[in-house]
Structures are given as structure tokens and as C-alpha cells.
């Protein structure tokens, strides 16, 4: 059986790992949002540049 300090260290490590997982997920969502926004803006620019040729 583990003694008290080892148990508290393991619990602390679990909490740190959980916090890191949450932070990583938040970061991925934020990055995805930026990527989608950039793709939409670039698509609109490309559409605007291509519209003279599409209108023929």
C-alpha cells in the first residue's frame, strides 16, 4: 500500500494531467476557429478576384 505522500503526489499529478488535457483541447478549438476564419476570408478574396472571369 502507498504511504500518504506518494498518494498525494499521484493525485496532484492526475490533476495536472487533467488540466493539461483541458488546455490542449481549448487550444485546438481556438486554432481550428482561426483556421476556419482564415479559409473563409481567403475564399472570399479568391471569389472576388475570380468574379470577372466567372461573369463572362
N, C-alpha and C. Protein backbone atom coordinates (compact mmCIF):
# COMPACT_ATOMS: atom_id res chain seq x y z
N UNK A 1 0.84 -1.18 0.00
CA UNK A 1 0.00 0.00 0.00
C UNK A 1 0.89 1.25 0.00
N UNK A 2 0.42 2.31 -0.68
CA UNK A 2 1.20 3.55 -0.75
C UNK A 2 1.08 4.35 0.53
N UNK A 3 2.17 5.03 0.84
CA UNK A 3 2.08 5.91 2.01
C UNK A 3 1.42 7.23 1.59
N UNK A 4 1.12 8.05 2.53
CA UNK A 4 0.35 9.29 2.29
C UNK A 4 1.02 10.26 1.31
N UNK A 5 2.33 10.53 1.43
CA UNK A 5 2.95 11.46 0.47
C UNK A 5 2.88 10.96 -0.97
N UNK A 6 3.11 9.66 -1.17
CA UNK A 6 3.03 9.12 -2.53
C UNK A 6 1.63 9.27 -3.10
N UNK A 7 0.63 9.03 -2.27
CA UNK A 7 -0.76 9.14 -2.72
C UNK A 7 -1.08 10.58 -3.11
N UNK A 8 -0.63 11.54 -2.31
CA UNK A 8 -0.92 12.95 -2.63
C UNK A 8 -0.17 13.39 -3.89
N UNK A 9 1.03 12.86 -4.10
CA UNK A 9 1.77 13.19 -5.32
C UNK A 9 1.05 12.63 -6.54
N UNK A 10 0.56 11.41 -6.44
CA UNK A 10 -0.16 10.81 -7.56
C UNK A 10 -1.45 11.59 -7.86
N UNK A 11 -2.15 11.99 -6.83
CA UNK A 11 -3.37 12.78 -7.01
C UNK A 11 -3.06 14.12 -7.68
N UNK A 12 -2.00 14.75 -7.23
CA UNK A 12 -1.59 16.03 -7.81
C UNK A 12 -1.22 15.85 -9.28
N UNK A 13 -0.50 14.79 -9.60
CA UNK A 13 -0.13 14.52 -10.99
C UNK A 13 -1.37 14.28 -11.85
N UNK A 14 -2.37 13.60 -11.30
CA UNK A 14 -3.62 13.39 -12.04
C UNK A 14 -4.30 14.72 -12.35
N UNK A 15 -4.33 15.60 -11.36
CA UNK A 15 -4.95 16.91 -11.57
C UNK A 15 -4.19 17.72 -12.61
N UNK A 16 -2.87 17.68 -12.56
CA UNK A 16 -2.05 18.40 -13.53
C UNK A 16 -2.32 17.85 -14.94
N UNK A 17 -2.38 16.54 -15.07
CA UNK A 17 -2.64 15.92 -16.37
C UNK A 17 -4.01 16.32 -16.90
N UNK A 18 -5.01 16.34 -16.03
CA UNK A 18 -6.36 16.73 -16.44
C UNK A 18 -6.37 18.19 -16.92
N UNK A 19 -5.72 19.06 -16.18
CA UNK A 19 -5.65 20.47 -16.58
C UNK A 19 -4.95 20.63 -17.91
N UNK A 20 -3.90 19.86 -18.13
CA UNK A 20 -3.16 19.93 -19.39
C UNK A 20 -4.04 19.45 -20.55
N UNK A 21 -4.81 18.38 -20.34
CA UNK A 21 -5.72 17.91 -21.39
C UNK A 21 -6.74 18.99 -21.74
N UNK A 22 -7.31 19.64 -20.74
CA UNK A 22 -8.30 20.69 -20.99
C UNK A 22 -7.67 21.86 -21.74
N UNK A 23 -6.47 22.24 -21.34
CA UNK A 23 -5.80 23.36 -22.00
C UNK A 23 -5.49 23.02 -23.46
N UNK A 24 -5.06 21.79 -23.71
CA UNK A 24 -4.75 21.35 -25.06
C UNK A 24 -6.01 21.36 -25.93
N UNK A 25 -7.13 20.90 -25.38
CA UNK A 25 -8.39 20.90 -26.12
C UNK A 25 -8.82 22.33 -26.44
N UNK A 26 -8.73 23.23 -25.47
CA UNK A 26 -9.09 24.63 -25.70
C UNK A 26 -8.23 25.24 -26.79
N UNK A 27 -6.94 24.93 -26.76
CA UNK A 27 -6.02 25.46 -27.75
C UNK A 27 -6.36 24.94 -29.15
N UNK A 28 -6.72 23.67 -29.24
CA UNK A 28 -7.06 23.09 -30.54
C UNK A 28 -8.32 23.74 -31.11
N UNK A 29 -9.31 23.99 -30.25
CA UNK A 29 -10.54 24.64 -30.71
C UNK A 29 -10.24 26.05 -31.19
N UNK A 30 -9.42 26.77 -30.44
CA UNK A 30 -9.07 28.14 -30.81
C UNK A 30 -8.34 28.14 -32.16
N UNK A 31 -7.39 27.23 -32.34
CA UNK A 31 -6.63 27.15 -33.58
C UNK A 31 -7.55 26.79 -34.74
N UNK A 32 -8.47 25.86 -34.53
CA UNK A 32 -9.41 25.47 -35.58
C UNK A 32 -10.28 26.66 -35.98
N UNK A 33 -10.73 27.43 -35.00
CA UNK A 33 -11.56 28.60 -35.30
C UNK A 33 -10.80 29.60 -36.16
N UNK A 34 -9.55 29.84 -35.81
CA UNK A 34 -8.74 30.75 -36.61
C UNK A 34 -8.53 30.21 -38.03
N UNK A 35 -8.29 28.91 -38.14
CA UNK A 35 -8.06 28.30 -39.45
C UNK A 35 -9.31 28.40 -40.32
N UNK A 36 -10.48 28.14 -39.74
CA UNK A 36 -11.72 28.25 -40.50
C UNK A 36 -11.96 29.69 -40.94
N UNK A 37 -11.75 30.62 -40.02
CA UNK A 37 -11.93 32.04 -40.36
C UNK A 37 -10.99 32.47 -41.47
N UNK A 38 -9.73 32.07 -41.40
CA UNK A 38 -8.76 32.42 -42.44
C UNK A 38 -9.15 31.80 -43.78
N UNK A 39 -9.63 30.57 -43.77
CA UNK A 39 -10.03 29.91 -45.01
C UNK A 39 -11.23 30.62 -45.64
N UNK A 40 -12.18 31.04 -44.82
CA UNK A 40 -13.35 31.76 -45.35
C UNK A 40 -12.91 33.08 -45.97
N UNK A 41 -12.06 33.82 -45.27
CA UNK A 41 -11.60 35.11 -45.80
C UNK A 41 -10.83 34.92 -47.10
N UNK A 42 -9.93 33.93 -47.13
CA UNK A 42 -9.17 33.68 -48.36
C UNK A 42 -10.10 33.23 -49.50
N UNK A 43 -11.11 32.45 -49.17
CA UNK A 43 -12.08 32.03 -50.18
C UNK A 43 -12.84 33.21 -50.76
N UNK A 44 -13.25 34.13 -49.89
CA UNK A 44 -13.96 35.33 -50.36
C UNK A 44 -13.07 36.20 -51.24
N UNK A 45 -11.81 36.32 -50.86
CA UNK A 45 -10.86 37.08 -51.69
C UNK A 45 -10.69 36.42 -53.05
N UNK A 46 -10.52 35.10 -53.06
CA UNK A 46 -10.36 34.39 -54.33
C UNK A 46 -11.61 34.52 -55.18
N UNK A 47 -12.76 34.44 -54.55
CA UNK A 47 -14.01 34.59 -55.30
C UNK A 47 -14.12 35.99 -55.88
N UNK A 48 -13.74 36.99 -55.09
CA UNK A 48 -13.75 38.37 -55.59
C UNK A 48 -12.81 38.57 -56.75
N UNK A 49 -11.64 37.98 -56.70
CA UNK A 49 -10.68 38.10 -57.80
C UNK A 49 -11.13 37.32 -59.03
N UNK A 50 -11.83 36.22 -58.84
CA UNK A 50 -12.24 35.37 -59.95
C UNK A 50 -13.57 35.83 -60.55
N UNK A 51 -14.30 36.68 -59.86
CA UNK A 51 -15.65 37.05 -60.34
C UNK A 51 -15.66 37.68 -61.74
N UNK A 52 -14.68 38.48 -62.14
CA UNK A 52 -14.74 39.00 -63.52
C UNK A 52 -14.71 37.88 -64.57
N UNK A 53 -13.95 36.81 -64.29
CA UNK A 53 -13.88 35.71 -65.25
C UNK A 53 -15.13 34.82 -65.17
N UNK A 54 -15.72 34.74 -64.00
CA UNK A 54 -16.91 33.91 -63.85
C UNK A 54 -18.14 34.56 -64.47
N UNK A 55 -18.11 35.88 -64.58
CA UNK A 55 -19.26 36.60 -65.10
C UNK A 55 -19.37 36.61 -66.60
N UNK A 56 -18.37 36.12 -67.27
CA UNK A 56 -18.38 36.14 -68.75
C UNK A 56 -19.32 35.12 -69.31
